[in-house]
Amino acid sequence: MWFASLIFLYLSFVINLKLMKKIKILSLFVCLIALLAACEDEDITPSYGARTVLVYIAGNNSLGQSDFDSKDVSEMIEGMKGTGGTTNNLLVYFAGYKKTAKLIRLIKNGKGEVKQETVMSYDKHNSVSLDVMKDVFRTAFSNYPAKSYGIVFWSHGDGWLHYQNPSTRWWGQDTSDGDYRMNISDLHEALSVAPHFDFMLFDACYMQSVEVIYQLRDRTDYFIGSPTEIPGPGAPYEAVVPALFSQDKPEINIAESYYTVYAEKYNNGIGISNENWTGGVSVSVVKSSELPALATATKGVLQTAASMQQRANIDITGILCYDPLRSKNYHDLMGLMKKIQENQQAFDNYAHAYQNAVVWKNTTDNNYCTYPSGYGEMVSMNGFEGLSTYILRGNDVKQDAYYRQSVEWYSAAGWADVYW
């Protein structure tokens, strides 16, 4: 009897053991299916941010030497506190004066606090070289993909103008080992490795030039900038950063926030300083998809102006100059077209195209402009329409030759047909 009981206990143990193993195996199988399903969901719907904005600070120059770059990063931190949600990425490539360049991310957590995270530190390099910029773009936008993108270029600027090193128009300056500036054709190429942008803000002087933005028109939906000198402190980022991440018409919100801060301080330059900028500001927004139509309308004005067909010199009297204390290379585009037009219908077509392209603009009555020495004075903005252009006058043979050969706007807008 005791032997039969022992056999029964043994068989019960074996059966229970097998049952437990089956339960464990079944549980593991269920977990594995759930894990695979979770992985499959992640592949289908990657976790993109709402918007990624990169601020590219080429500050290894007099701006960085005066600490404008560091002050602006502090303003960006304050501005980030005013953004909605925590899914936005504000990236800052920061090449300061005699400092190690780095790519940082400003993160707003659920408590509303903004933290700095170093994404990449770089060895000594030239921040305005093509290869460096491409590398920064690849790192920034591959690591922080988003549904939409924006970019800010922070540095010195001089529109499309010829520069000997390299010998083309330029944006950005790096004086870490000489004096290097990035030409617009290289900037266009660098942007080829970046995503298409919703907006591009130039926090640099003279960059709202039709020659510059026409060259870059396929890289962004909107350009925000100034056709003249920007205020000494640059963009007021504590106000601009929330606008960078606004959902509805961010390009307009950015321009308005940039303008409003300085318009409220404006006092015709009385008591002006970089800590209290009372010298005014001029800002505009241009829609890139309307630029080809603007070029066509410009050509229409030129083709119906007998004086242009006869290749007459242009009298620039009365046309607003945006750099009157310097080389007088930037004049108001609308002012120029008003001066040369001889056919009302052609000009009406032009005015319509211009209105479609320049979707927002504003200026204080006067702006503070500087001489090459750095000193300055208040200059009237009467005639401001938001977009500058170069007028060939034969004053600089080399510069004129470069303009004819390398600036796309020259041919697209019909100037090549009326200038020798």
Protein backbone atom coordinates (compact mmCIF):
# COMPACT_ATOMS: atom_id res chain seq x y z
CA MET A 1 0.00 0.00 0.00
CA TRP A 2 2.77 2.37 0.96
CA PHE A 3 4.50 1.58 -2.35
CA ALA A 4 1.41 2.57 -4.39
CA SER A 5 1.17 5.83 -2.42
CA LEU A 6 4.80 6.61 -3.19
CA ILE A 7 4.24 6.02 -6.91
CA PHE A 8 1.18 8.32 -6.82
CA LEU A 9 3.15 11.14 -5.14
CA TYR A 10 5.99 10.83 -7.64
CA LEU A 11 3.63 10.96 -10.64
CA SER A 12 1.83 14.01 -9.18
CA PHE A 13 5.15 15.82 -8.75
CA VAL A 14 6.23 15.10 -12.34
CA ILE A 15 2.87 16.19 -13.76
CA ASN A 16 2.90 19.43 -11.76
CA LEU A 17 6.49 20.13 -12.77
CA LYS A 18 5.67 19.72 -16.46
CA LEU A 19 2.59 21.89 -16.05
CA MET A 20 4.65 24.65 -14.39
CA LYS A 21 7.20 24.51 -17.18
CA LYS A 22 4.43 24.81 -19.76
CA ILE A 23 2.98 27.81 -17.91
CA LYS A 24 6.41 29.48 -17.76
CA ILE A 25 7.03 28.82 -21.44
CA LEU A 26 3.58 30.15 -22.32
CA SER A 27 4.23 33.28 -20.22
CA LEU A 28 7.56 33.86 -21.88
CA PHE A 29 5.94 33.43 -25.29
CA VAL A 30 3.24 35.99 -24.48
CA CYS A 31 5.90 38.47 -23.24
CA LEU A 32 7.93 37.95 -26.39
CA ILE A 33 4.90 38.69 -28.60
CA ALA A 34 4.19 41.86 -26.62
CA LEU A 35 7.81 42.96 -26.90
CA LEU A 36 7.88 42.40 -30.65
CA ALA A 37 4.62 44.30 -31.04
CA ALA A 38 6.06 47.20 -29.07
CA CYS A 39 9.18 47.26 -31.24
CA GLU A 40 7.04 47.19 -34.37
CA ASP A 41 5.04 50.22 -33.15
CA GLU A 42 8.25 52.18 -32.52
CA ASP A 43 9.47 51.52 -36.05
CA ILE A 44 6.20 52.67 -37.59
CA THR A 45 5.78 55.82 -35.51
CA PRO A 46 9.20 57.18 -34.48
CA SER A 47 9.21 59.75 -31.70
CA TYR A 48 9.69 63.00 -33.63
CA GLY A 49 9.71 66.37 -31.94
CA ALA A 50 7.20 69.03 -32.90
CA ARG A 51 9.90 71.41 -34.20
CA THR A 52 13.68 71.51 -34.19
CA VAL A 53 15.38 74.90 -34.50
CA LEU A 54 19.13 75.31 -34.85
CA VAL A 55 20.81 78.59 -33.97
CA TYR A 56 24.19 78.67 -35.73
CA ILE A 57 26.44 81.10 -33.85
CA ALA A 58 29.64 81.97 -35.73
CA GLY A 59 30.94 84.19 -32.96
CA ASN A 60 34.71 83.87 -33.17
CA ASN A 61 35.00 87.54 -34.14
CA SER A 62 34.36 91.00 -32.70
CA LEU A 63 30.82 90.01 -31.72
CA GLY A 64 32.03 87.13 -29.59
CA GLN A 65 34.88 89.25 -28.27
CA SER A 66 32.24 91.65 -26.94
CA ASP A 67 30.37 88.68 -25.39
CA PHE A 68 27.20 89.19 -27.46
CA ASP A 69 27.07 85.45 -28.17
CA SER A 70 27.09 84.35 -24.51
CA LYS A 71 24.49 86.98 -23.63
CA ASP A 72 22.25 85.77 -26.43
CA VAL A 73 22.50 82.15 -25.25
CA SER A 74 21.38 83.33 -21.80
CA GLU A 75 18.45 85.10 -23.48
CA MET A 76 17.60 81.88 -25.33
CA ILE A 77 17.42 79.99 -22.04
CA GLU A 78 14.97 82.57 -20.71
CA GLY A 79 13.01 82.47 -23.94
CA MET A 80 12.79 78.68 -23.86
CA LYS A 81 10.89 78.93 -20.57
CA GLY A 82 8.09 80.64 -22.46
CA THR A 83 7.63 77.90 -25.04
CA GLY A 84 4.68 75.54 -24.89
CA GLY A 85 5.16 71.81 -24.33
CA THR A 86 8.35 69.80 -24.01
CA THR A 87 8.62 68.28 -27.50
CA ASN A 88 10.50 71.18 -29.11
CA ASN A 89 14.25 71.08 -29.67
CA LEU A 90 16.33 74.25 -29.51
CA LEU A 91 19.86 73.43 -30.64
CA VAL A 92 22.68 75.96 -30.49
CA TYR A 93 25.96 75.56 -32.34
CA PHE A 94 28.16 77.89 -30.32
CA ALA A 95 31.57 78.87 -31.73
CA GLY A 96 32.51 81.72 -29.40
CA TYR A 97 35.53 83.97 -29.31
CA LYS A 98 38.63 81.83 -28.68
CA LYS A 99 36.41 79.10 -27.22
CA THR A 100 35.97 75.43 -28.04
CA ALA A 101 32.98 75.11 -30.33
CA LYS A 102 30.13 72.91 -29.16
CA LEU A 103 26.63 71.89 -30.09
CA ILE A 104 24.22 72.19 -27.19
CA ARG A 105 20.57 71.41 -26.66
CA LEU A 106 18.31 73.54 -24.49
CA ILE A 107 15.68 71.30 -22.90
CA LYS A 108 12.51 72.37 -21.13
CA ASN A 109 11.35 69.72 -18.67
CA GLY A 110 7.89 69.10 -17.24
CA LYS A 111 8.55 71.53 -14.39
CA GLY A 112 9.26 74.37 -16.80
CA GLU A 113 13.00 74.33 -16.07
CA VAL A 114 15.48 74.72 -18.93
CA LYS A 115 18.61 72.60 -18.88
CA GLN A 116 21.70 72.65 -21.12
CA GLU A 117 22.87 69.39 -22.64
CA THR A 118 26.12 69.15 -24.62
CA VAL A 119 25.48 67.14 -27.77
CA MET A 120 28.96 67.48 -29.29
CA SER A 121 32.25 69.20 -28.51
CA TYR A 122 34.62 70.03 -31.35
CA ASP A 123 38.34 70.42 -31.80
CA LYS A 124 39.57 73.79 -33.05
CA HIS A 125 38.01 74.50 -36.43
CA ASN A 126 36.71 77.21 -38.75
CA SER A 127 33.01 77.67 -38.00
CA VAL A 128 32.26 79.14 -41.44
CA SER A 129 33.88 76.39 -43.50
CA LEU A 130 31.65 74.28 -45.72
CA ASP A 131 32.71 70.94 -44.23
CA VAL A 132 32.26 72.08 -40.63
CA MET A 133 28.79 73.46 -41.27
CA LYS A 134 27.71 70.30 -43.07
CA ASP A 135 28.94 68.19 -40.16
CA VAL A 136 27.02 70.31 -37.65
CA PHE A 137 23.85 70.09 -39.74
CA ARG A 138 24.11 66.31 -40.07
CA THR A 139 24.63 65.85 -36.33
CA ALA A 140 21.87 68.24 -35.31
CA PHE A 141 19.10 67.15 -37.61
CA SER A 142 19.76 63.40 -37.65
CA ASN A 143 19.70 63.24 -33.86
CA TYR A 144 16.71 65.52 -33.40
CA PRO A 145 14.24 64.90 -36.24
CA ALA A 146 10.97 66.80 -36.13
CA LYS A 147 7.79 67.54 -38.00
CA SER A 148 9.07 71.02 -38.90
CA TYR A 149 12.37 72.87 -38.86
CA GLY A 150 13.77 76.36 -38.51
CA ILE A 151 17.26 77.85 -38.56
CA VAL A 152 18.88 81.04 -37.30
CA PHE A 153 22.20 82.35 -38.62
CA TRP A 154 24.00 84.51 -36.06
CA SER A 155 27.13 86.46 -37.03
CA HIS A 156 28.38 89.37 -39.10
CA GLY A 157 26.91 89.63 -42.58
CA ASP A 158 27.39 91.66 -45.74
CA GLY A 159 24.79 90.35 -48.16
CA TRP A 160 26.05 89.10 -51.49
CA LEU A 161 29.22 91.22 -51.54
CA HIS A 162 32.57 90.08 -52.91
CA TYR A 163 35.19 89.10 -50.32
CA GLN A 164 38.75 88.05 -51.04
CA ASN A 165 38.90 85.05 -48.70
CA PRO A 166 36.79 83.46 -50.12
CA SER A 167 36.20 85.77 -53.06
CA THR A 168 32.41 85.92 -53.09
CA ARG A 169 29.48 87.36 -51.20
CA TRP A 170 29.44 86.28 -47.64
CA TRP A 171 27.73 85.53 -44.38
CA GLY A 172 29.53 84.77 -41.12
CA GLN A 173 33.04 85.54 -39.94
CA ASP A 174 35.62 83.42 -38.11
CA THR A 175 38.89 85.08 -37.07
CA SER A 176 40.32 82.16 -35.11
CA ASP A 177 43.20 81.73 -37.57
CA GLY A 178 43.06 84.57 -40.07
CA ASP A 179 39.84 86.07 -41.40
CA TYR A 180 37.38 83.64 -42.98
CA ARG A 181 33.87 84.29 -44.22
CA MET A 182 31.36 81.98 -45.87
CA ASN A 183 30.15 82.80 -49.35
CA ILE A 184 26.48 82.41 -50.21
CA SER A 185 27.09 79.63 -52.74
CA ASP A 186 28.81 77.57 -50.02
CA LEU A 187 25.98 78.35 -47.61
CA HIS A 188 23.55 77.07 -50.23
CA GLU A 189 25.56 73.87 -50.61
CA ALA A 190 25.85 73.37 -46.85
CA LEU A 191 22.08 73.63 -46.54
CA SER A 192 21.71 70.75 -49.01
CA VAL A 193 22.42 68.26 -46.20
CA ALA A 194 19.83 69.85 -43.91
CA PRO A 195 16.05 69.40 -44.09
CA HIS A 196 13.89 71.99 -45.81
CA PHE A 197 13.14 74.78 -43.36
CA ASP A 198 9.88 76.47 -42.50
CA PHE A 199 11.82 79.67 -41.87
CA MET A 200 15.34 81.08 -41.96
CA LEU A 201 16.22 84.02 -39.70
CA PHE A 202 19.36 86.02 -40.41
CA ASP A 203 20.47 87.71 -37.21
CA ALA A 204 23.11 89.57 -39.20
CA CYS A 205 23.36 92.85 -41.09
CA TYR A 206 22.26 93.42 -44.70
CA MET A 207 21.08 89.87 -45.37
CA GLN A 208 17.53 90.70 -46.53
CA SER A 209 18.90 91.30 -50.01
CA VAL A 210 17.03 90.01 -53.06
CA GLU A 211 20.31 88.64 -54.43
CA VAL A 212 20.91 86.55 -51.29
CA ILE A 213 17.42 85.19 -50.75
CA TYR A 214 16.88 84.41 -54.44
CA GLN A 215 20.03 82.28 -54.31
CA LEU A 216 18.73 80.42 -51.23
CA ARG A 217 15.07 80.29 -52.21
CA ASP A 218 14.87 76.48 -52.45
CA ARG A 219 16.11 75.94 -48.88
CA THR A 220 13.30 77.54 -46.86
CA ASP A 221 9.70 78.72 -47.06
CA TYR A 222 10.34 82.15 -45.51
CA PHE A 223 13.23 84.52 -44.93
CA ILE A 224 13.29 86.88 -41.93
CA GLY A 225 15.92 89.58 -41.72
CA SER A 226 16.91 93.19 -42.24
CA PRO A 227 18.06 94.96 -45.41
CA THR A 228 20.13 97.34 -43.29
CA GLU A 229 22.20 97.06 -40.10
CA ILE A 230 20.59 95.16 -37.25
CA PRO A 231 20.66 96.50 -33.66
CA GLY A 232 23.95 96.08 -31.83
CA PRO A 233 22.61 93.44 -29.40
CA GLY A 234 21.00 91.43 -32.22
CA ALA A 235 17.72 89.59 -31.81
CA PRO A 236 15.99 89.86 -28.40
CA TYR A 237 15.91 86.09 -27.93
CA GLU A 238 13.90 86.09 -24.72
CA ALA A 239 11.03 87.30 -26.96
CA VAL A 240 12.04 85.61 -30.21
CA VAL A 241 12.50 82.04 -28.92
CA PRO A 242 8.82 81.49 -28.01
CA ALA A 243 7.95 82.76 -31.50
CA LEU A 244 10.38 80.24 -33.04
CA PHE A 245 8.10 77.49 -31.74
CA SER A 246 4.73 79.12 -32.38
CA GLN A 247 2.32 76.99 -34.38
CA ASP A 248 0.53 79.53 -36.56
CA LYS A 249 2.64 81.69 -38.90
CA PRO A 250 5.90 81.47 -36.94
CA GLU A 251 7.68 83.60 -39.55
CA ILE A 252 5.37 86.55 -38.82
CA ASN A 253 5.53 86.01 -35.06
CA ILE A 254 9.34 85.95 -35.16
CA ALA A 255 9.51 89.19 -37.14
CA GLU A 256 6.96 90.93 -34.91
CA SER A 257 8.70 89.87 -31.70
CA TYR A 258 12.08 91.02 -33.06
CA TYR A 259 10.65 94.36 -34.14
CA THR A 260 8.38 95.10 -31.17
CA VAL A 261 11.06 94.90 -28.47
CA TYR A 262 13.19 97.54 -30.20
CA ALA A 263 10.24 99.64 -31.38
CA GLU A 264 9.14 100.02 -27.76
CA LYS A 265 12.64 101.18 -26.76
CA TYR A 266 13.02 103.49 -29.76
CA ASN A 267 13.96 107.08 -28.91
CA ASN A 268 15.72 108.21 -32.09
CA GLY A 269 19.06 107.09 -30.68
CA ILE A 270 18.98 109.28 -27.56
CA GLY A 271 20.99 107.57 -24.82
CA ILE A 272 21.80 104.65 -27.12
CA SER A 273 23.92 101.76 -25.86
CA ASN A 274 23.99 98.02 -26.37
CA GLU A 275 22.26 97.68 -23.00
CA ASN A 276 19.59 100.23 -23.98
CA TRP A 277 19.16 100.15 -27.76
CA THR A 278 17.13 103.22 -28.68
CA GLY A 279 18.40 103.32 -32.28
CA GLY A 280 15.53 101.55 -34.01
CA VAL A 281 15.21 98.46 -36.19
CA SER A 282 13.99 97.35 -39.63
CA VAL A 283 12.65 93.84 -40.29
CA SER A 284 10.84 92.08 -43.13
CA VAL A 285 9.54 88.63 -44.09
CA VAL A 286 9.83 87.25 -47.63
CA LYS A 287 8.00 84.23 -49.02
CA SER A 288 10.45 82.25 -51.11
CA SER A 289 7.91 80.60 -53.42
CA GLU A 290 6.93 84.07 -54.72
CA LEU A 291 10.46 85.06 -55.73
CA PRO A 292 10.35 83.58 -59.26
CA ALA A 293 7.19 85.60 -59.95
CA LEU A 294 8.94 88.70 -58.61
CA ALA A 295 11.84 88.08 -60.98
CA THR A 296 9.44 87.75 -63.92
CA ALA A 297 7.63 90.96 -62.95
CA THR A 298 10.96 92.78 -62.64
CA LYS A 299 11.86 91.68 -66.14
CA GLY A 300 8.51 93.03 -67.34
CA VAL A 301 9.31 96.49 -65.96
CA LEU A 302 12.75 96.48 -67.57
CA GLN A 303 11.42 95.37 -70.94
CA THR A 304 8.93 98.26 -71.02
CA ALA A 305 11.36 100.96 -69.89
CA ALA A 306 12.97 102.62 -72.90
CA SER A 307 15.76 104.11 -70.81
CA MET A 308 16.70 100.63 -69.60
CA GLN A 309 16.64 99.24 -73.12
CA GLN A 310 19.06 102.02 -74.06
CA ARG A 311 21.28 100.97 -71.12
CA ALA A 312 21.12 104.37 -69.50
CA ASN A 313 22.80 104.95 -66.16
CA ILE A 314 20.39 104.91 -63.24
CA ASP A 315 19.96 108.07 -61.21
CA ILE A 316 19.86 106.81 -57.62
CA THR A 317 18.72 110.14 -56.18
CA GLY A 318 15.72 109.60 -53.92
CA ILE A 319 16.16 105.82 -53.63
CA LEU A 320 16.62 104.76 -50.00
CA CYS A 321 20.19 103.57 -49.34
CA TYR A 322 20.55 101.04 -46.54
CA ASP A 323 24.30 101.52 -46.00
CA PRO A 324 24.64 105.30 -46.56
CA LEU A 325 27.66 105.70 -44.27
CA ARG A 326 29.60 102.90 -45.94
CA SER A 327 29.92 101.77 -49.57
CA LYS A 328 26.33 102.48 -50.67
CA ASN A 329 25.88 98.97 -52.04
CA TYR A 330 22.33 98.37 -50.81
CA HIS A 331 19.32 100.30 -52.09
CA ASP A 332 15.61 99.68 -51.66
CA LEU A 333 14.36 97.38 -54.42
CA MET A 334 10.88 98.89 -54.68
CA GLY A 335 12.35 102.38 -54.70
CA LEU A 336 14.55 101.41 -57.63
CA MET A 337 11.66 99.97 -59.63
CA LYS A 338 9.51 103.05 -59.02
CA LYS A 339 12.37 105.16 -60.34
CA ILE A 340 12.93 103.29 -63.59
CA GLN A 341 9.41 102.15 -64.54
CA GLU A 342 7.82 103.70 -67.64
CA ASN A 343 4.74 101.51 -68.11
CA GLN A 344 1.93 101.60 -65.54
CA GLN A 345 0.57 98.13 -66.28
CA ALA A 346 4.02 96.55 -66.00
CA PHE A 347 4.63 98.37 -62.73
CA ASP A 348 1.21 97.38 -61.35
CA ASN A 349 2.08 93.75 -62.10
CA TYR A 350 5.39 94.26 -60.35
CA ALA A 351 3.78 95.87 -57.28
CA HIS A 352 1.37 92.93 -57.01
CA ALA A 353 4.22 90.41 -57.22
CA TYR A 354 6.20 92.38 -54.64
CA GLN A 355 3.28 92.43 -52.22
CA ASN A 356 2.93 88.66 -52.56
CA ALA A 357 6.64 88.15 -51.89
CA VAL A 358 7.26 90.64 -49.07
CA VAL A 359 4.49 89.45 -46.77
CA TRP A 360 5.42 91.54 -43.71
CA LYS A 361 7.63 94.56 -43.07
CA ASN A 362 8.10 97.25 -40.46
CA THR A 363 10.63 99.87 -39.47
CA THR A 364 11.14 102.67 -37.02
CA ASP A 365 11.36 106.13 -38.60
CA ASN A 366 15.15 106.21 -38.28
CA ASN A 367 17.83 103.58 -37.73
CA TYR A 368 21.27 103.77 -36.22
CA CYS A 369 23.85 103.14 -38.95
CA THR A 370 27.62 103.03 -38.58
CA TYR A 371 30.72 104.19 -40.41
CA PRO A 372 33.47 101.60 -41.03
CA SER A 373 35.24 103.06 -37.98
CA GLY A 374 32.36 101.90 -35.78
CA TYR A 375 30.92 105.30 -34.96
CA GLY A 376 27.44 106.01 -36.25
CA GLU A 377 24.43 108.26 -36.54
CA MET A 378 20.68 108.06 -37.04
CA VAL A 379 19.55 107.66 -40.66
CA SER A 380 16.06 108.09 -42.11
CA MET A 381 14.25 104.96 -43.29
CA ASN A 382 11.87 106.97 -45.48
CA GLY A 383 11.15 104.79 -48.51
CA PHE A 384 11.63 101.48 -46.65
CA GLU A 385 9.91 98.57 -48.39
CA GLY A 386 11.83 95.71 -46.77
CA LEU A 387 14.13 94.33 -49.46
CA SER A 388 17.43 95.61 -50.83
CA THR A 389 19.22 95.26 -54.15
CA TYR A 390 22.51 96.21 -55.75
CA ILE A 391 22.57 98.88 -58.47
CA LEU A 392 25.31 98.58 -61.07
CA ARG A 393 26.90 102.01 -61.47
CA GLY A 394 30.45 101.28 -62.63
CA ASN A 395 32.01 102.43 -59.34
CA ASP A 396 33.63 99.06 -58.70
CA VAL A 397 34.62 97.24 -61.89
CA LYS A 398 35.60 93.96 -60.19
CA GLN A 399 32.50 93.89 -58.03
CA ASP A 400 30.25 94.64 -60.99
CA ALA A 401 31.91 91.89 -63.03
CA TYR A 402 31.38 89.39 -60.25
CA TYR A 403 27.75 90.44 -59.92
CA ARG A 404 27.12 89.82 -63.61
CA GLN A 405 28.86 86.46 -63.63
CA SER A 406 27.74 84.88 -60.36
CA VAL A 407 24.51 86.38 -59.03
CA GLU A 408 21.45 84.43 -60.21
CA TRP A 409 19.10 87.37 -59.72
CA TYR A 410 21.01 89.38 -62.36
CA SER A 411 19.87 87.04 -65.14
CA ALA A 412 16.56 85.85 -63.69
CA ALA A 413 15.22 89.39 -63.24
CA GLY A 414 16.25 90.52 -66.73
CA TRP A 415 19.13 92.82 -65.79
CA ALA A 416 21.47 90.88 -68.08
CA ASP A 417 19.34 92.04 -71.02
CA VAL A 418 19.79 95.76 -70.29
CA TYR A 419 23.35 95.96 -68.92
CA TRP A 420 26.52 95.54 -70.93
